[in-house]
Amino acid sequence: MSGIEIIGTGSYVPEFVADNNKFSEFLDTSDEWITPRTGIKQRHILTDKPNYYMGVEAAKKALADAAIDPAEVDLVLVSTCTPDFFYPSMSCLIQKNIGAVNSAAFDVNSACTGFITAVDIAHKYLLSGHYKTILIVATERLSGQLDYTDRSMCILFGDAAGAAVLRKSEGKFYSMLGAEGDEFEALYCKINYQSNCPFYGDQAPFYNNRFDTFSKQNYLQSDGHAVYKFAVNAMAKAVRNVAEQAGVEVADIDIVIPHQANLRIIKKASELLNIPMDKVYTNIERMGNVSSACIPVCLDELRKAGRVKKGMKMCFVGFGAGLTYGAVLFEV
C-alpha cells in the first residue's frame, strides 16, 4: 500500500498565555489543584482575532517549509469544531487568504479526532491519484466555547493551529477510525440557533429536556469520568489495530503523538500498550487541549527539533466528541 509523505509542517500559537495562576484570580482553583489532575501549566488564548487567522498563519508556514507555491495545492482540508461561520467553510476562508487558487476546499469535524480523520481522507485521495498535493489545517479556538465560571472545564483548553502538506509516498500507511455515537453526552457543545422562525415549536421534548440550563445550551460540556474511561480504552484499541494491520508489534513503533487531552489519560493508555513515555510526545504542559490541532502542533515541534527521521514508524492516535477515535501508522 502506498503511504504519505509529510513534506512541510507549520503551527501558530497565540501570544497571550494564561497560566494556572491567572485562573486563580477569578476562580476557586490553583496551580497546585490543576497540574496534578491534568498535567497542564498554561494554555494560549486567541484574544483579538478569528479562528481562521490561526489556520492561515499555520498554513503559510507549512507551505514555506515544504517550499511549494500555494497554487500547487490541489485540496485544502480543514479540521475544526470551532468554525467562525456556519458557512462559508473554514477551508474556503483559508484557501482565499493563502492564495491556493487551484484547490478544492472542504471542512471535516470529528472534534479532537479531526486531524487523524483528515490525514486518512487525504491518504485516500492521494492513493487514488485524484490529488497530488494536499494541505491539511487543524485550527481550533476552544476558548470561545467555554464557561469561565466552570473551573473543571475552562482550565483544560487553549487555542492553536497546526498544518501539514502531504504527498503520496511508497511507504506503508495503516489507519483505523471508530465512533460510539450513543455516548455523545459524555462530551458535547450544542449550537444555540436563537431562531426567530414563527413556525418553530418547543424542541425540548425531542432532546428529552437534556439541555435544561444556560450552560448546557451554550457551552462545552464533559463527563470527565466517562471520557477518561472511553479515551484510555479507545486509544489502546486503535494503536493495537493499526499495529496489527501493519504486521508489527506495538513496541516497534518509534514515536507516538497522542491527542493532548489529559496527561493522566496519555500515561494510562501508554501503560496499557506497554509503550515507554520516551516514545510518546507531549506538549500538554505548555498548550493544554487544543482539540484537533494538538497532533499537528506536536508534529511541527518534533520536526523542527530534528526528531523525525526517515524510515521511522510514526503513530497518531486520538479521541474526541462524538464519541470518535482513531489512529494512523505510517513510515516517515
Protein backbone atom coordinates (compact mmCIF):
# COMPACT_ATOMS: atom_id res chain seq x y z
CA MET A 1 0.00 0.00 0.00
CA SER A 2 1.32 3.44 -0.86
CA GLY A 3 1.73 5.83 2.01
CA ILE A 4 2.06 9.53 2.70
CA GLU A 5 4.99 11.90 2.77
CA ILE A 6 4.73 14.95 5.01
CA ILE A 7 6.79 17.49 3.10
CA GLY A 8 6.06 20.51 5.29
CA THR A 9 4.54 21.47 8.62
CA GLY A 10 3.63 24.69 10.39
CA SER A 11 1.87 25.88 13.50
CA TYR A 12 0.51 29.04 15.06
CA VAL A 13 0.19 29.66 18.78
CA PRO A 14 -1.41 32.88 20.10
CA GLU A 15 0.81 35.29 22.00
CA PHE A 16 -1.41 35.59 25.09
CA VAL A 17 -0.55 33.00 27.72
CA ALA A 18 -2.92 32.12 30.55
CA ASP A 19 -1.00 30.17 33.15
CA ASN A 20 -2.75 28.40 36.01
CA ASN A 21 -2.26 31.33 38.36
CA LYS A 22 -4.34 33.58 36.11
CA PHE A 23 -7.34 31.30 36.67
CA SER A 24 -6.97 31.61 40.43
CA GLU A 25 -7.67 35.33 40.01
CA PHE A 26 -11.33 34.67 39.19
CA LEU A 27 -11.92 31.04 40.16
CA ASP A 28 -11.52 28.95 43.31
CA THR A 29 -8.57 27.00 41.90
CA SER A 30 -4.78 26.96 41.90
CA ASP A 31 -1.76 25.61 40.08
CA GLU A 32 -1.48 23.01 42.85
CA TRP A 33 -5.02 21.79 42.02
CA ILE A 34 -4.78 21.93 38.21
CA THR A 35 -1.34 20.48 37.44
CA PRO A 36 -1.63 17.10 39.23
CA ARG A 37 -5.07 16.46 37.72
CA THR A 38 -4.33 17.48 34.14
CA GLY A 39 -0.62 17.97 33.53
CA ILE A 40 -1.39 21.48 32.26
CA LYS A 41 0.62 24.50 33.43
CA GLN A 42 -0.51 27.04 30.82
CA ARG A 43 -2.52 27.49 27.63
CA HIS A 44 -2.60 30.10 24.85
CA ILE A 45 -5.74 32.16 24.14
CA LEU A 46 -6.57 33.96 20.89
CA THR A 47 -7.92 37.22 22.29
CA ASP A 48 -8.39 39.52 19.30
CA LYS A 49 -8.60 37.58 16.02
CA PRO A 50 -10.90 35.00 14.40
CA ASN A 51 -10.07 31.30 14.37
CA TYR A 52 -9.31 31.20 10.65
CA TYR A 53 -6.45 33.66 11.20
CA MET A 54 -4.54 30.98 13.09
CA GLY A 55 -5.21 28.47 10.34
CA VAL A 56 -3.93 30.87 7.68
CA GLU A 57 -0.70 31.52 9.61
CA ALA A 58 -0.08 27.81 10.21
CA ALA A 59 -0.81 27.04 6.55
CA LYS A 60 1.62 29.69 5.31
CA LYS A 61 4.37 28.25 7.49
CA ALA A 62 3.68 24.70 6.28
CA LEU A 63 3.81 25.79 2.63
CA ALA A 64 7.06 27.67 3.24
CA ASP A 65 8.52 24.63 4.99
CA ALA A 66 7.52 22.47 2.01
CA ALA A 67 8.97 25.07 -0.37
CA ILE A 68 5.94 24.97 -2.63
CA ASP A 69 3.73 27.64 -4.16
CA PRO A 70 0.13 27.79 -2.86
CA ALA A 71 -1.04 27.33 -6.45
CA GLU A 72 0.35 23.78 -6.32
CA VAL A 73 -2.15 22.74 -3.62
CA ASP A 74 -4.96 20.56 -5.01
CA LEU A 75 -7.05 20.36 -1.82
CA VAL A 76 -7.31 22.44 1.35
CA LEU A 77 -8.75 20.15 4.01
CA VAL A 78 -9.54 21.80 7.34
CA SER A 79 -10.33 20.13 10.64
CA THR A 80 -12.19 22.28 13.14
CA CYS A 81 -15.01 22.04 15.67
CA THR A 82 -14.89 25.79 16.35
CA PRO A 83 -15.64 27.44 12.98
CA ASP A 84 -16.11 31.18 12.66
CA PHE A 85 -19.07 30.69 10.28
CA PHE A 86 -21.66 28.04 9.58
CA TYR A 87 -20.71 28.84 6.01
CA PRO A 88 -18.51 29.51 4.17
CA SER A 89 -16.28 26.71 5.37
CA MET A 90 -13.06 27.49 7.19
CA SER A 91 -11.24 25.80 4.31
CA CYS A 92 -12.58 28.39 1.86
CA LEU A 93 -11.51 31.25 4.12
CA ILE A 94 -8.03 29.76 4.45
CA GLN A 95 -7.82 28.98 0.73
CA LYS A 96 -8.57 32.62 -0.08
CA ASN A 97 -6.03 34.01 2.34
CA ILE A 98 -3.13 31.78 1.30
CA GLY A 99 -3.77 32.05 -2.44
CA ALA A 100 -4.42 28.37 -3.12
CA VAL A 101 -6.25 29.36 -6.30
CA ASN A 102 -6.31 25.88 -7.87
CA SER A 103 -7.54 23.88 -4.91
CA ALA A 104 -10.78 22.35 -3.81
CA ALA A 105 -11.70 23.01 -0.18
CA PHE A 106 -13.84 21.44 2.50
CA ASP A 107 -14.00 21.00 6.29
CA VAL A 108 -14.18 17.92 8.46
CA ASN A 109 -15.45 17.82 12.04
CA SER A 110 -14.80 14.77 14.16
CA ALA A 111 -13.78 17.01 17.06
CA CYS A 112 -10.42 16.15 18.58
CA THR A 113 -10.00 13.18 16.22
CA GLY A 114 -10.27 15.58 13.28
CA PHE A 115 -6.63 15.74 12.19
CA ILE A 116 -6.39 11.94 12.14
CA THR A 117 -9.61 11.79 10.12
CA ALA A 118 -8.27 14.40 7.70
CA VAL A 119 -4.99 12.51 7.23
CA ASP A 120 -6.94 9.34 6.43
CA ILE A 121 -9.12 11.21 3.91
CA ALA A 122 -6.05 12.82 2.35
CA HIS A 123 -4.33 9.45 2.04
CA LYS A 124 -7.24 8.03 0.09
CA TYR A 125 -7.30 10.99 -2.31
CA LEU A 126 -3.55 10.72 -2.83
CA LEU A 127 -3.75 6.96 -3.31
CA SER A 128 -6.40 7.39 -6.00
CA GLY A 129 -4.22 9.84 -7.86
CA HIS A 130 -7.03 12.38 -7.92
CA TYR A 131 -4.91 14.89 -5.98
CA LYS A 132 -1.14 15.16 -5.70
CA THR A 133 -0.64 17.84 -3.04
CA ILE A 134 -2.97 18.25 -0.07
CA LEU A 135 -2.80 20.87 2.66
CA ILE A 136 -4.35 19.83 5.96
CA VAL A 137 -5.03 22.53 8.54
CA ALA A 138 -6.37 21.94 12.04
CA THR A 139 -7.37 25.20 13.68
CA GLU A 140 -9.24 25.40 16.97
CA ARG A 141 -10.42 28.23 19.19
CA LEU A 142 -11.89 26.33 22.13
CA SER A 143 -11.76 29.41 24.36
CA GLY A 144 -14.95 30.63 22.69
CA GLN A 145 -16.92 27.54 23.76
CA LEU A 146 -16.02 27.56 27.43
CA ASP A 147 -17.90 28.61 30.54
CA TYR A 148 -15.34 30.54 32.55
CA THR A 149 -17.33 30.07 35.74
CA ASP A 150 -16.81 26.28 35.48
CA ARG A 151 -13.40 25.57 36.98
CA SER A 152 -13.44 21.92 35.92
CA MET A 153 -13.69 22.78 32.20
CA CYS A 154 -12.22 26.17 31.36
CA ILE A 155 -8.76 25.22 32.65
CA LEU A 156 -8.39 22.37 30.15
CA PHE A 157 -8.46 24.04 26.77
CA GLY A 158 -6.49 26.50 24.69
CA ASP A 159 -6.26 27.81 21.14
CA ALA A 160 -3.83 26.92 18.34
CA ALA A 161 -3.49 25.74 14.75
CA GLY A 162 -1.28 23.21 13.02
CA ALA A 163 -0.84 22.39 9.35
CA ALA A 164 0.82 19.76 7.17
CA VAL A 165 1.43 19.38 3.44
CA LEU A 166 1.02 15.80 2.22
CA ARG A 167 2.03 13.95 -0.91
CA LYS A 168 2.00 10.29 -1.87
CA SER A 169 4.95 8.10 -1.00
CA GLU A 170 5.92 4.45 -1.44
CA GLY A 171 5.96 3.87 2.30
CA LYS A 172 3.36 1.98 4.31
CA PHE A 173 0.19 3.52 5.76
CA TYR A 174 -2.47 1.99 8.01
CA SER A 175 -5.50 3.59 9.62
CA MET A 176 -8.41 2.89 11.91
CA LEU A 177 -11.37 5.18 12.63
CA GLY A 178 -14.22 4.48 15.04
CA ALA A 179 -17.21 6.08 16.70
CA GLU A 180 -19.58 5.44 19.59
CA GLY A 181 -22.39 7.92 18.97
CA ASP A 182 -24.54 6.57 21.77
CA GLU A 183 -22.06 8.14 24.19
CA PHE A 184 -22.35 11.66 22.74
CA GLU A 185 -23.49 13.21 26.03
CA ALA A 186 -20.09 12.48 27.56
CA LEU A 187 -18.64 15.38 25.55
CA TYR A 188 -20.57 17.95 23.53
CA CYS A 189 -21.18 21.59 22.71
CA LYS A 190 -24.67 22.35 21.41
CA ILE A 191 -25.41 25.02 18.81
CA ASN A 192 -27.93 27.55 20.12
CA TYR A 193 -29.51 28.93 16.97
CA GLN A 194 -31.62 31.65 18.64
CA SER A 195 -34.02 31.46 15.69
CA ASN A 196 -36.98 33.79 15.33
CA CYS A 197 -38.76 31.43 12.92
CA PRO A 198 -42.50 31.84 13.70
CA PHE A 199 -43.20 28.22 12.76
CA TYR A 200 -40.90 26.65 15.35
CA GLY A 201 -42.37 24.83 18.31
CA ASP A 202 -40.80 23.55 21.50
CA GLN A 203 -37.90 21.25 20.62
CA ALA A 204 -37.01 20.39 24.22
CA PRO A 205 -39.02 17.13 24.26
CA PHE A 206 -37.07 15.92 21.20
CA TYR A 207 -33.89 16.27 23.22
CA ASN A 208 -35.59 14.71 26.26
CA ASN A 209 -35.08 18.03 28.05
CA ARG A 210 -31.35 17.27 28.31
CA PHE A 211 -30.28 20.86 27.71
CA ASP A 212 -32.11 22.41 30.63
CA THR A 213 -29.60 25.04 31.74
CA PHE A 214 -27.96 28.02 30.06
CA SER A 215 -24.56 26.34 30.33
CA LYS A 216 -25.77 23.13 28.66
CA GLN A 217 -27.33 25.15 25.85
CA ASN A 218 -24.29 27.33 25.16
CA TYR A 219 -21.01 25.87 26.43
CA LEU A 220 -18.81 22.81 26.11
CA GLN A 221 -19.91 20.04 28.46
CA SER A 222 -17.98 16.97 29.58
CA ASP A 223 -18.41 13.99 31.86
CA GLY A 224 -14.80 13.62 32.94
CA HIS A 225 -15.06 10.07 34.27
CA ALA A 226 -16.84 8.77 31.17
CA VAL A 227 -14.37 10.49 28.85
CA TYR A 228 -11.38 9.11 30.77
CA LYS A 229 -12.65 5.54 30.59
CA PHE A 230 -13.54 5.81 26.90
CA ALA A 231 -10.33 7.57 25.92
CA VAL A 232 -7.91 5.17 27.55
CA ASN A 233 -9.56 2.10 26.04
CA ALA A 234 -10.21 3.65 22.62
CA MET A 235 -6.64 4.88 22.20
CA ALA A 236 -5.19 1.50 23.18
CA LYS A 237 -7.61 -0.28 20.83
CA ALA A 238 -6.79 1.98 17.89
CA VAL A 239 -2.99 1.66 18.27
CA ARG A 240 -3.21 -2.13 18.55
CA ASN A 241 -5.42 -2.21 15.47
CA VAL A 242 -3.05 -0.29 13.18
CA ALA A 243 -0.04 -2.20 14.50
CA GLU A 244 -1.81 -5.47 13.74
CA GLN A 245 -2.66 -4.26 10.23
CA ALA A 246 1.00 -3.39 9.70
CA GLY A 247 2.14 -6.75 10.98
CA VAL A 248 4.33 -5.19 13.65
CA GLU A 249 4.41 -5.16 17.41
CA VAL A 250 3.35 -2.02 19.25
CA ALA A 251 6.90 -1.95 20.61
CA ASP A 252 8.17 -1.50 17.04
CA ILE A 253 6.55 1.95 16.77
CA ASP A 254 9.24 4.61 17.04
CA ILE A 255 7.14 7.57 18.15
CA VAL A 256 3.53 8.14 19.15
CA ILE A 257 1.81 11.52 19.04
CA PRO A 258 -1.39 11.25 21.07
CA HIS A 259 -4.21 13.71 21.46
CA GLN A 260 -3.27 16.03 24.33
CA ALA A 261 -6.42 15.96 26.47
CA ASN A 262 -5.04 15.00 29.86
CA LEU A 263 -1.61 13.72 30.87
CA ARG A 264 -3.16 11.03 33.04
CA ILE A 265 -5.08 9.66 30.02
CA ILE A 266 -1.91 9.61 27.92
CA LYS A 267 0.09 7.84 30.61
CA LYS A 268 -2.60 5.24 31.30
CA ALA A 269 -3.08 4.43 27.60
CA SER A 270 0.70 4.15 27.20
CA GLU A 271 0.81 1.84 30.20
CA LEU A 272 -1.86 -0.43 28.67
CA LEU A 273 0.11 -0.54 25.43
CA ASN A 274 3.43 -1.01 27.27
CA ILE A 275 4.87 1.99 25.40
CA PRO A 276 7.55 3.88 27.34
CA MET A 277 6.85 7.58 27.72
CA ASP A 278 10.11 8.46 25.98
CA LYS A 279 8.41 7.26 22.78
CA VAL A 280 5.33 9.43 23.45
CA TYR A 281 5.50 13.12 22.59
CA THR A 282 3.56 15.59 24.72
CA ASN A 283 3.29 19.36 24.96
CA ILE A 284 0.15 19.48 27.12
CA GLU A 285 2.02 21.26 29.92
CA ARG A 286 2.55 24.27 27.62
CA MET A 287 -0.55 24.09 25.42
CA GLY A 288 -3.45 22.42 27.18
CA ASN A 289 -6.02 20.69 24.97
CA VAL A 290 -6.28 22.40 21.58
CA SER A 291 -8.58 19.73 20.12
CA SER A 292 -7.69 18.57 16.61
CA ALA A 293 -4.75 20.99 16.48
CA CYS A 294 -2.91 19.03 19.20
CA ILE A 295 -1.30 16.44 16.93
CA PRO A 296 -0.16 18.71 14.07
CA VAL A 297 1.29 21.25 16.53
CA CYS A 298 3.22 18.41 18.21
CA LEU A 299 4.32 17.13 14.80
CA ASP A 300 5.63 20.56 13.84
CA GLU A 301 7.56 20.83 17.10
CA LEU A 302 9.10 17.39 16.59
CA ARG A 303 10.17 18.13 13.03
CA LYS A 304 11.67 21.47 13.94
CA ALA A 305 13.59 19.78 16.76
CA GLY A 306 15.05 17.32 14.26
CA ARG A 307 13.46 14.31 15.91
CA VAL A 308 11.61 12.97 12.86
CA LYS A 309 13.92 10.67 10.89
CA LYS A 310 13.42 8.94 7.56
CA GLY A 311 12.12 5.39 7.98
CA MET A 312 10.61 5.94 11.43
CA LYS A 313 7.29 4.31 12.23
CA MET A 314 5.07 7.14 13.47
CA CYS A 315 1.62 6.80 15.01
CA PHE A 316 -1.03 9.47 15.56
CA VAL A 317 -3.80 8.43 17.97
CA GLY A 318 -6.69 10.34 19.46
CA PHE A 319 -10.28 10.57 20.56
CA GLY A 320 -12.93 13.25 20.64
CA ALA A 321 -16.55 14.25 20.95
CA GLY A 322 -18.95 12.04 19.09
CA LEU A 323 -17.55 9.99 20.62
CA THR A 324 -14.89 9.39 17.96
CA TYR A 325 -11.47 7.81 17.98
CA GLY A 326 -8.78 6.69 15.58
CA ALA A 327 -5.15 6.13 14.72
CA VAL A 328 -2.84 6.17 11.74
CA LEU A 329 0.51 4.40 11.48
CA PHE A 330 2.92 5.20 8.67
CA GLU A 331 6.55 5.19 7.66
CA VAL A 332 8.07 8.65 7.61
